[in-house]
Amino acid sequence: MTEVRWLDEREERAWRALQFMQMRLTGRLAADLAATSDLSYPDYMVLVALGDQPGWRARLFELAEVLGWEKSRLSHQVARMSSRGLVKKERCDDDRRGAFVVGTEQGRKAIETAAPHHVAAVRRLFIDRVSPGELDAITSAAEKVLAVLDAEPAEPAEPAEPAEPAERR
């Protein structure tokens, strides 16, 4: 086992700022979306991911990978959205156990209605608060991390043996 490489002050500050920004920004955007539309934040994310797919359809496992969700979480979300007419599930003829998630006309209308206000909130809370250079740096860093996440298996790494640091972070 390897020794733990604790975060130094600069690394910890960056990591915590990223974590808290993401959590608080997601929370604020979710509240804003709920107040201005009939969609929850997870509804919106599923519809955005489907909208990026040809024909507004994707296999359940593919959609789970895109969203970074467990398949069971996505199944429950799709069931809730299906009961509200936002998506439907279609059997996959190639794989009888598999299913497609397909955006409905009602789902398309819901996201088309919600998107302008949501984008304005993203602009107000994030885009307009950083410089173009900072935006490019965020994009570059995020794309590098996403490439690693896409390349590495999803199983957790073997835990390192705890060291006795002077200060735990």
N, C-alpha and C. Protein backbone atom coordinates (compact mmCIF):
# COMPACT_ATOMS: atom_id res chain seq x y z
N MET A 1 0.83 -1.18 0.00
CA MET A 1 0.00 0.00 0.00
C MET A 1 0.87 1.24 0.00
N THR A 2 0.34 2.28 -0.60
CA THR A 2 1.10 3.52 -0.69
C THR A 2 0.75 4.46 0.46
N GLU A 3 1.65 5.35 0.73
CA GLU A 3 1.43 6.33 1.79
C GLU A 3 0.50 7.43 1.25
N VAL A 4 -0.31 7.96 2.11
CA VAL A 4 -1.25 9.01 1.73
C VAL A 4 -0.49 10.29 1.40
N ARG A 5 -0.84 10.87 0.27
CA ARG A 5 -0.31 12.19 -0.09
C ARG A 5 -1.37 13.22 0.29
N TRP A 6 -1.26 13.77 1.49
CA TRP A 6 -2.24 14.73 1.97
C TRP A 6 -2.20 15.99 1.12
N LEU A 7 -3.33 16.66 1.05
CA LEU A 7 -3.40 17.90 0.29
C LEU A 7 -2.68 19.01 1.05
N ASP A 8 -1.91 19.80 0.31
CA ASP A 8 -1.31 20.96 0.95
C ASP A 8 -2.38 22.07 1.00
N GLU A 9 -2.03 23.18 1.59
CA GLU A 9 -3.02 24.25 1.80
C GLU A 9 -3.63 24.74 0.49
N ARG A 10 -2.80 24.94 -0.51
CA ARG A 10 -3.28 25.41 -1.82
C ARG A 10 -4.21 24.38 -2.47
N GLU A 11 -3.81 23.12 -2.45
CA GLU A 11 -4.62 22.05 -3.04
C GLU A 11 -5.94 21.90 -2.32
N GLU A 12 -5.90 21.94 -0.99
CA GLU A 12 -7.12 21.82 -0.19
C GLU A 12 -8.08 22.98 -0.48
N ARG A 13 -7.52 24.17 -0.56
CA ARG A 13 -8.36 25.34 -0.85
C ARG A 13 -9.05 25.20 -2.21
N ALA A 14 -8.31 24.76 -3.22
CA ALA A 14 -8.89 24.58 -4.55
C ALA A 14 -9.95 23.48 -4.53
N TRP A 15 -9.64 22.36 -3.89
CA TRP A 15 -10.56 21.22 -3.86
C TRP A 15 -11.86 21.59 -3.15
N ARG A 16 -11.72 22.21 -1.98
CA ARG A 16 -12.92 22.58 -1.22
C ARG A 16 -13.74 23.65 -1.93
N ALA A 17 -13.07 24.61 -2.54
CA ALA A 17 -13.79 25.65 -3.29
C ALA A 17 -14.58 25.02 -4.43
N LEU A 18 -13.96 24.08 -5.13
CA LEU A 18 -14.66 23.40 -6.22
C LEU A 18 -15.86 22.61 -5.70
N GLN A 19 -15.65 21.84 -4.63
CA GLN A 19 -16.75 21.05 -4.06
C GLN A 19 -17.91 21.92 -3.62
N PHE A 20 -17.61 22.95 -2.83
CA PHE A 20 -18.68 23.79 -2.29
C PHE A 20 -19.35 24.61 -3.38
N MET A 21 -18.57 25.08 -4.36
CA MET A 21 -19.17 25.81 -5.47
C MET A 21 -20.16 24.91 -6.20
N GLN A 22 -19.73 23.70 -6.53
CA GLN A 22 -20.59 22.78 -7.27
C GLN A 22 -21.85 22.46 -6.49
N MET A 23 -21.72 22.17 -5.20
CA MET A 23 -22.90 21.83 -4.39
C MET A 23 -23.86 23.01 -4.26
N ARG A 24 -23.30 24.18 -3.95
CA ARG A 24 -24.17 25.34 -3.76
C ARG A 24 -24.77 25.82 -5.07
N LEU A 25 -23.99 25.79 -6.14
CA LEU A 25 -24.50 26.20 -7.44
C LEU A 25 -25.61 25.26 -7.90
N THR A 26 -25.40 23.96 -7.75
CA THR A 26 -26.44 22.99 -8.12
C THR A 26 -27.69 23.22 -7.29
N GLY A 27 -27.52 23.44 -5.99
CA GLY A 27 -28.67 23.69 -5.12
C GLY A 27 -29.44 24.94 -5.53
N ARG A 28 -28.71 26.01 -5.83
CA ARG A 28 -29.37 27.25 -6.23
C ARG A 28 -30.07 27.08 -7.57
N LEU A 29 -29.41 26.42 -8.53
CA LEU A 29 -30.03 26.21 -9.84
C LEU A 29 -31.26 25.31 -9.73
N ALA A 30 -31.18 24.31 -8.86
CA ALA A 30 -32.32 23.40 -8.65
C ALA A 30 -33.51 24.17 -8.07
N ALA A 31 -33.26 25.01 -7.07
CA ALA A 31 -34.34 25.79 -6.47
C ALA A 31 -34.94 26.76 -7.49
N ASP A 32 -34.07 27.38 -8.28
CA ASP A 32 -34.53 28.31 -9.30
C ASP A 32 -35.38 27.60 -10.35
N LEU A 33 -34.92 26.43 -10.77
CA LEU A 33 -35.66 25.66 -11.77
C LEU A 33 -37.03 25.24 -11.24
N ALA A 34 -37.08 24.80 -9.98
CA ALA A 34 -38.34 24.39 -9.37
C ALA A 34 -39.32 25.56 -9.26
N ALA A 35 -38.78 26.74 -9.01
CA ALA A 35 -39.63 27.92 -8.85
C ALA A 35 -40.14 28.47 -10.18
N THR A 36 -39.45 28.17 -11.27
CA THR A 36 -39.80 28.78 -12.56
C THR A 36 -40.30 27.79 -13.61
N SER A 37 -40.37 26.51 -13.25
CA SER A 37 -40.82 25.52 -14.22
C SER A 37 -41.46 24.34 -13.50
N ASP A 38 -41.92 23.39 -14.27
CA ASP A 38 -42.48 22.17 -13.70
C ASP A 38 -41.45 21.05 -13.65
N LEU A 39 -40.19 21.38 -13.83
CA LEU A 39 -39.13 20.38 -13.85
C LEU A 39 -38.28 20.44 -12.60
N SER A 40 -37.87 19.28 -12.12
CA SER A 40 -36.85 19.23 -11.08
C SER A 40 -35.49 19.30 -11.78
N TYR A 41 -34.44 19.51 -11.00
CA TYR A 41 -33.11 19.55 -11.59
C TYR A 41 -32.75 18.21 -12.24
N PRO A 42 -33.02 17.06 -11.58
CA PRO A 42 -32.76 15.79 -12.24
C PRO A 42 -33.58 15.61 -13.52
N ASP A 43 -34.84 16.07 -13.54
CA ASP A 43 -35.64 16.02 -14.77
C ASP A 43 -34.91 16.76 -15.88
N TYR A 44 -34.47 17.97 -15.55
CA TYR A 44 -33.79 18.81 -16.53
C TYR A 44 -32.54 18.14 -17.06
N MET A 45 -31.74 17.56 -16.17
CA MET A 45 -30.49 16.92 -16.58
C MET A 45 -30.76 15.72 -17.50
N VAL A 46 -31.77 14.93 -17.19
CA VAL A 46 -32.12 13.79 -18.04
C VAL A 46 -32.55 14.30 -19.42
N LEU A 47 -33.40 15.32 -19.45
CA LEU A 47 -33.86 15.84 -20.73
C LEU A 47 -32.72 16.47 -21.54
N VAL A 48 -31.80 17.14 -20.89
CA VAL A 48 -30.63 17.70 -21.59
C VAL A 48 -29.82 16.55 -22.19
N ALA A 49 -29.56 15.52 -21.39
CA ALA A 49 -28.78 14.38 -21.89
C ALA A 49 -29.49 13.69 -23.05
N LEU A 50 -30.80 13.54 -22.96
CA LEU A 50 -31.55 12.95 -24.07
C LEU A 50 -31.52 13.84 -25.31
N GLY A 51 -31.60 15.15 -25.09
CA GLY A 51 -31.58 16.09 -26.20
C GLY A 51 -30.28 16.05 -27.00
N ASP A 52 -29.22 15.58 -26.36
CA ASP A 52 -27.93 15.46 -27.05
C ASP A 52 -27.83 14.18 -27.87
N GLN A 53 -28.81 13.30 -27.74
CA GLN A 53 -28.79 12.01 -28.44
C GLN A 53 -29.65 12.08 -29.70
N PRO A 54 -29.26 11.36 -30.75
CA PRO A 54 -30.08 11.34 -31.97
C PRO A 54 -31.47 10.79 -31.65
N GLY A 55 -32.48 11.49 -32.13
CA GLY A 55 -33.85 11.04 -31.94
C GLY A 55 -34.36 11.15 -30.51
N TRP A 56 -33.64 11.89 -29.68
CA TRP A 56 -34.03 12.05 -28.27
C TRP A 56 -34.21 10.69 -27.61
N ARG A 57 -33.31 9.75 -27.89
CA ARG A 57 -33.43 8.41 -27.31
C ARG A 57 -32.06 7.86 -26.99
N ALA A 58 -32.00 7.13 -25.89
CA ALA A 58 -30.74 6.52 -25.47
C ALA A 58 -31.05 5.28 -24.64
N ARG A 59 -30.13 4.32 -24.68
CA ARG A 59 -30.25 3.16 -23.81
C ARG A 59 -30.11 3.63 -22.36
N LEU A 60 -30.79 2.96 -21.47
CA LEU A 60 -30.77 3.34 -20.06
C LEU A 60 -29.35 3.36 -19.52
N PHE A 61 -28.56 2.33 -19.82
CA PHE A 61 -27.19 2.28 -19.29
C PHE A 61 -26.32 3.38 -19.88
N GLU A 62 -26.55 3.75 -21.15
CA GLU A 62 -25.78 4.84 -21.77
C GLU A 62 -26.11 6.18 -21.12
N LEU A 63 -27.37 6.38 -20.85
CA LEU A 63 -27.80 7.61 -20.20
C LEU A 63 -27.23 7.70 -18.79
N ALA A 64 -27.20 6.57 -18.09
CA ALA A 64 -26.61 6.54 -16.74
C ALA A 64 -25.14 6.91 -16.80
N GLU A 65 -24.43 6.43 -17.80
CA GLU A 65 -23.00 6.76 -17.95
C GLU A 65 -22.80 8.25 -18.22
N VAL A 66 -23.61 8.80 -19.11
CA VAL A 66 -23.50 10.22 -19.45
C VAL A 66 -23.73 11.08 -18.21
N LEU A 67 -24.74 10.72 -17.42
CA LEU A 67 -25.09 11.51 -16.24
C LEU A 67 -24.20 11.21 -15.04
N GLY A 68 -23.50 10.07 -15.07
CA GLY A 68 -22.69 9.67 -13.93
C GLY A 68 -23.53 9.16 -12.78
N TRP A 69 -24.69 8.60 -13.10
CA TRP A 69 -25.63 8.10 -12.09
C TRP A 69 -25.60 6.58 -12.06
N GLU A 70 -25.97 6.03 -10.92
CA GLU A 70 -26.19 4.59 -10.81
C GLU A 70 -27.42 4.26 -11.66
N LYS A 71 -27.42 3.06 -12.24
CA LYS A 71 -28.54 2.66 -13.09
C LYS A 71 -29.85 2.66 -12.31
N SER A 72 -29.81 2.25 -11.05
CA SER A 72 -31.05 2.20 -10.25
C SER A 72 -31.59 3.62 -10.01
N ARG A 73 -30.70 4.58 -9.77
CA ARG A 73 -31.15 5.96 -9.59
C ARG A 73 -31.83 6.47 -10.85
N LEU A 74 -31.22 6.18 -12.01
CA LEU A 74 -31.80 6.62 -13.27
C LEU A 74 -33.13 5.93 -13.52
N SER A 75 -33.22 4.64 -13.21
CA SER A 75 -34.49 3.90 -13.40
C SER A 75 -35.61 4.54 -12.61
N HIS A 76 -35.34 4.91 -11.36
CA HIS A 76 -36.36 5.56 -10.54
C HIS A 76 -36.73 6.93 -11.10
N GLN A 77 -35.72 7.68 -11.55
CA GLN A 77 -35.98 9.00 -12.12
C GLN A 77 -36.80 8.88 -13.39
N VAL A 78 -36.45 7.93 -14.24
CA VAL A 78 -37.19 7.72 -15.49
C VAL A 78 -38.63 7.30 -15.19
N ALA A 79 -38.83 6.47 -14.19
CA ALA A 79 -40.20 6.06 -13.81
C ALA A 79 -41.02 7.28 -13.39
N ARG A 80 -40.43 8.17 -12.59
CA ARG A 80 -41.15 9.38 -12.16
C ARG A 80 -41.46 10.27 -13.37
N MET A 81 -40.48 10.43 -14.25
CA MET A 81 -40.68 11.28 -15.42
C MET A 81 -41.69 10.66 -16.38
N SER A 82 -41.67 9.36 -16.50
CA SER A 82 -42.61 8.66 -17.37
C SER A 82 -44.04 8.84 -16.88
N SER A 83 -44.23 8.77 -15.56
CA SER A 83 -45.58 8.93 -15.01
C SER A 83 -46.11 10.34 -15.25
N ARG A 84 -45.23 11.30 -15.49
CA ARG A 84 -45.62 12.67 -15.78
C ARG A 84 -45.62 12.97 -17.28
N GLY A 85 -45.31 11.97 -18.10
CA GLY A 85 -45.37 12.12 -19.55
C GLY A 85 -44.17 12.82 -20.17
N LEU A 86 -43.06 12.98 -19.42
CA LEU A 86 -41.89 13.67 -19.94
C LEU A 86 -41.01 12.76 -20.80
N VAL A 87 -40.99 11.49 -20.48
CA VAL A 87 -40.24 10.48 -21.23
C VAL A 87 -41.08 9.21 -21.28
N LYS A 88 -40.64 8.30 -22.13
CA LYS A 88 -41.24 6.98 -22.13
C LYS A 88 -40.13 5.96 -22.32
N LYS A 89 -40.40 4.74 -21.90
CA LYS A 89 -39.45 3.66 -22.10
C LYS A 89 -39.94 2.81 -23.25
N GLU A 90 -39.01 2.43 -24.11
CA GLU A 90 -39.32 1.53 -25.22
C GLU A 90 -38.41 0.33 -25.15
N ARG A 91 -38.97 -0.82 -25.41
CA ARG A 91 -38.18 -2.04 -25.39
C ARG A 91 -37.15 -2.01 -26.51
N CYS A 92 -36.01 -2.58 -26.24
CA CYS A 92 -34.94 -2.67 -27.23
C CYS A 92 -35.07 -4.02 -27.92
N ASP A 93 -35.31 -4.02 -29.22
CA ASP A 93 -35.48 -5.27 -29.95
C ASP A 93 -34.21 -6.09 -30.01
N ASP A 94 -33.04 -5.43 -29.99
CA ASP A 94 -31.77 -6.14 -30.04
C ASP A 94 -31.44 -6.84 -28.73
N ASP A 95 -31.92 -6.30 -27.65
CA ASP A 95 -31.63 -6.82 -26.32
C ASP A 95 -32.92 -6.78 -25.52
N ARG A 96 -33.61 -7.88 -25.41
CA ARG A 96 -34.94 -7.90 -24.79
C ARG A 96 -34.94 -7.44 -23.34
N ARG A 97 -33.78 -7.51 -22.67
CA ARG A 97 -33.71 -7.04 -21.28
C ARG A 97 -33.47 -5.55 -21.23
N GLY A 98 -32.98 -4.97 -22.32
CA GLY A 98 -32.64 -3.56 -22.34
C GLY A 98 -33.82 -2.69 -22.73
N ALA A 99 -33.67 -1.40 -22.50
CA ALA A 99 -34.73 -0.45 -22.84
C ALA A 99 -34.11 0.85 -23.30
N PHE A 100 -34.86 1.55 -24.11
CA PHE A 100 -34.51 2.91 -24.51
C PHE A 100 -35.33 3.87 -23.66
N VAL A 101 -34.74 5.00 -23.34
CA VAL A 101 -35.47 6.11 -22.75
C VAL A 101 -35.64 7.11 -23.88
N VAL A 102 -36.87 7.53 -24.10
CA VAL A 102 -37.18 8.41 -25.22
C VAL A 102 -37.90 9.65 -24.70
N GLY A 103 -37.42 10.81 -25.10
CA GLY A 103 -38.09 12.06 -24.74
C GLY A 103 -39.39 12.18 -25.51
N THR A 104 -40.43 12.63 -24.83
CA THR A 104 -41.74 12.82 -25.45
C THR A 104 -41.89 14.27 -25.90
N GLU A 105 -42.94 14.53 -26.63
CA GLU A 105 -43.24 15.90 -27.05
C GLU A 105 -43.46 16.78 -25.81
N GLN A 106 -44.12 16.23 -24.81
CA GLN A 106 -44.35 16.97 -23.56
C GLN A 106 -43.02 17.28 -22.87
N GLY A 107 -42.09 16.34 -22.88
CA GLY A 107 -40.77 16.57 -22.31
C GLY A 107 -40.01 17.64 -23.06
N ARG A 108 -40.11 17.61 -24.38
CA ARG A 108 -39.43 18.62 -25.19
C ARG A 108 -39.99 20.01 -24.91
N LYS A 109 -41.32 20.09 -24.81
CA LYS A 109 -41.93 21.39 -24.52
C LYS A 109 -41.53 21.88 -23.14
N ALA A 110 -41.47 20.96 -22.18
CA ALA A 110 -41.10 21.35 -20.81
C ALA A 110 -39.69 21.92 -20.76
N ILE A 111 -38.75 21.28 -21.45
CA ILE A 111 -37.38 21.80 -21.40
C ILE A 111 -37.24 23.07 -22.24
N GLU A 112 -37.97 23.17 -23.33
CA GLU A 112 -37.93 24.40 -24.13
C GLU A 112 -38.48 25.58 -23.33
N THR A 113 -39.46 25.32 -22.47
CA THR A 113 -40.02 26.36 -21.62
C THR A 113 -39.06 26.72 -20.50
N ALA A 114 -38.43 25.72 -19.90
CA ALA A 114 -37.55 25.93 -18.75
C ALA A 114 -36.17 26.48 -19.14
N ALA A 115 -35.68 26.10 -20.31
CA ALA A 115 -34.29 26.41 -20.69
C ALA A 115 -33.94 27.89 -20.68
N PRO A 116 -34.74 28.78 -21.23
CA PRO A 116 -34.32 30.19 -21.24
C PRO A 116 -34.08 30.76 -19.84
N HIS A 117 -34.95 30.46 -18.90
CA HIS A 117 -34.76 30.96 -17.54
C HIS A 117 -33.56 30.28 -16.88
N HIS A 118 -33.40 28.98 -17.12
CA HIS A 118 -32.28 28.24 -16.54
C HIS A 118 -30.95 28.79 -17.06
N VAL A 119 -30.87 29.03 -18.34
CA VAL A 119 -29.63 29.57 -18.93
C VAL A 119 -29.35 30.97 -18.37
N ALA A 120 -30.39 31.76 -18.17
CA ALA A 120 -30.20 33.08 -17.58
C ALA A 120 -29.64 32.95 -16.16
N ALA A 121 -30.11 31.97 -15.40
CA ALA A 121 -29.61 31.74 -14.05
C ALA A 121 -28.16 31.26 -14.09
N VAL A 122 -27.83 30.38 -15.02
CA VAL A 122 -26.45 29.91 -15.17
C VAL A 122 -25.55 31.09 -15.48
N ARG A 123 -26.01 31.97 -16.37
CA ARG A 123 -25.24 33.17 -16.72
C ARG A 123 -25.05 34.07 -15.49
N ARG A 124 -26.16 34.33 -14.79
CA ARG A 124 -26.13 35.25 -13.64
C ARG A 124 -25.24 34.73 -12.51
N LEU A 125 -25.31 33.42 -12.25
CA LEU A 125 -24.60 32.85 -11.11
C LEU A 125 -23.19 32.35 -11.41
N PHE A 126 -22.91 32.08 -12.69
CA PHE A 126 -21.61 31.47 -13.02
C PHE A 126 -20.89 32.19 -14.16
N ILE A 127 -21.43 32.11 -15.36
CA ILE A 127 -20.73 32.60 -16.56
C ILE A 127 -20.31 34.05 -16.43
N ASP A 128 -21.21 34.92 -15.98
CA ASP A 128 -20.91 36.35 -15.89
C ASP A 128 -20.01 36.69 -14.71
N ARG A 129 -19.67 35.73 -13.89
CA ARG A 129 -18.84 35.97 -12.70
C ARG A 129 -17.37 35.64 -12.92
N VAL A 130 -17.06 35.03 -14.07
CA VAL A 130 -15.67 34.66 -14.36
C VAL A 130 -15.25 35.29 -15.68
N SER A 131 -13.95 35.51 -15.81
CA SER A 131 -13.42 36.11 -17.04
C SER A 131 -13.36 35.03 -18.13
N PRO A 132 -13.23 35.45 -19.39
CA PRO A 132 -13.07 34.46 -20.46
C PRO A 132 -11.88 33.53 -20.23
N GLY A 133 -10.78 34.07 -19.71
CA GLY A 133 -9.61 33.23 -19.42
C GLY A 133 -9.90 32.22 -18.32
N GLU A 134 -10.60 32.67 -17.28
CA GLU A 134 -10.98 31.75 -16.19
C GLU A 134 -11.93 30.68 -16.71
N LEU A 135 -12.85 31.07 -17.58
CA LEU A 135 -13.78 30.11 -18.17
C LEU A 135 -13.03 29.06 -18.98
N ASP A 136 -12.03 29.49 -19.76
CA ASP A 136 -11.22 28.56 -20.52
C ASP A 136 -10.44 27.62 -19.60
N ALA A 137 -9.91 28.16 -18.49
CA ALA A 137 -9.16 27.33 -17.53
C ALA A 137 -10.08 26.31 -16.86
N ILE A 138 -11.29 26.72 -16.50
CA ILE A 138 -12.26 25.80 -15.90
C ILE A 138 -12.60 24.69 -16.90
N THR A 139 -12.84 25.07 -18.13
CA THR A 139 -13.16 24.10 -19.18
C THR A 139 -12.03 23.11 -19.36
N SER A 140 -10.81 23.61 -19.46
CA SER A 140 -9.65 22.75 -19.66
C SER A 140 -9.49 21.77 -18.49
N ALA A 141 -9.58 22.29 -17.27
CA ALA A 141 -9.42 21.42 -16.10
C ALA A 141 -10.54 20.37 -16.04
N ALA A 142 -11.76 20.80 -16.28
CA ALA A 142 -12.89 19.87 -16.23
C ALA A 142 -12.76 18.78 -17.30
N GLU A 143 -12.35 19.17 -18.50
CA GLU A 143 -12.21 18.18 -19.57
C GLU A 143 -11.10 17.18 -19.27
N LYS A 144 -10.02 17.62 -18.64
CA LYS A 144 -8.94 16.70 -18.26
C LYS A 144 -9.43 15.69 -17.23
N VAL A 145 -10.14 16.18 -16.23
CA VAL A 145 -10.67 15.27 -15.18
C VAL A 145 -11.71 14.33 -15.78
N LEU A 146 -12.58 14.83 -16.63
CA LEU A 146 -13.59 13.97 -17.26
C LEU A 146 -12.93 12.89 -18.11
N ALA A 147 -11.85 13.21 -18.80
CA ALA A 147 -11.15 12.21 -19.61
C ALA A 147 -10.60 11.09 -18.73
N VAL A 148 -10.07 11.44 -17.56
CA VAL A 148 -9.57 10.42 -16.63
C VAL A 148 -10.73 9.57 -16.13
N LEU A 149 -11.83 10.21 -15.77
CA LEU A 149 -13.00 9.47 -15.27
C LEU A 149 -13.55 8.52 -16.34
N ASP A 150 -13.53 8.96 -17.59
CA ASP A 150 -14.00 8.12 -18.68
C ASP A 150 -13.06 6.94 -18.93
N ALA A 151 -11.76 7.14 -18.70
CA ALA A 151 -10.76 6.12 -19.00
C ALA A 151 -10.58 5.10 -17.88
N GLU A 152 -10.80 5.52 -16.64
CA GLU A 152 -10.58 4.63 -15.50
C GLU A 152 -11.84 3.85 -15.18
N PRO A 153 -11.67 2.62 -14.66
CA PRO A 153 -12.84 1.87 -14.23
C PRO A 153 -13.54 2.56 -13.07
N ALA A 154 -14.83 2.31 -12.94
CA ALA A 154 -15.62 2.98 -11.91
C ALA A 154 -15.40 2.40 -10.51
N GLU A 155 -14.72 1.25 -10.41
CA GLU A 155 -14.49 0.65 -9.09
C GLU A 155 -13.59 1.55 -8.27
N PRO A 156 -13.85 1.61 -6.97
CA PRO A 156 -12.98 2.45 -6.13
C PRO A 156 -11.57 1.89 -6.07
N ALA A 157 -10.61 2.79 -6.00
CA ALA A 157 -9.21 2.38 -5.89
C ALA A 157 -8.99 1.76 -4.52
N GLU A 158 -7.95 0.92 -4.45
CA GLU A 158 -7.61 0.32 -3.16
C GLU A 158 -7.18 1.43 -2.21
N PRO A 159 -7.75 1.42 -1.00
CA PRO A 159 -7.41 2.51 -0.09
C PRO A 159 -5.94 2.47 0.33
N ALA A 160 -5.38 3.64 0.47
CA ALA A 160 -4.00 3.73 0.93
C ALA A 160 -3.97 3.50 2.43
N GLU A 161 -2.85 3.03 2.89
CA GLU A 161 -2.69 2.82 4.33
C GLU A 161 -2.58 4.17 5.00
N PRO A 162 -3.37 4.41 6.04
CA PRO A 162 -3.33 5.73 6.67
C PRO A 162 -1.97 6.03 7.27
N ALA A 163 -1.53 7.23 7.06
CA ALA A 163 -0.29 7.70 7.66
C ALA A 163 -0.64 8.55 8.87
N GLU A 164 0.33 8.86 9.66
CA GLU A 164 0.10 9.72 10.81
C GLU A 164 0.62 11.10 10.48
N PRO A 165 -0.20 11.91 9.81
CA PRO A 165 0.25 13.25 9.45
C PRO A 165 0.23 14.17 10.66
N ALA A 166 1.00 15.23 10.56
CA ALA A 166 1.00 16.23 11.61
C ALA A 166 -0.37 16.89 11.70
N GLU A 167 -0.98 17.03 10.54
CA GLU A 167 -2.28 17.68 10.48
C GLU A 167 -3.12 16.91 9.47
N ARG A 168 -4.30 16.47 9.83
CA ARG A 168 -5.18 15.76 8.89
C ARG A 168 -6.09 16.76 8.21
N ARG A 169 -6.33 16.52 6.94
CA ARG A 169 -7.19 17.41 6.18
C ARG A 169 -8.38 16.63 5.76
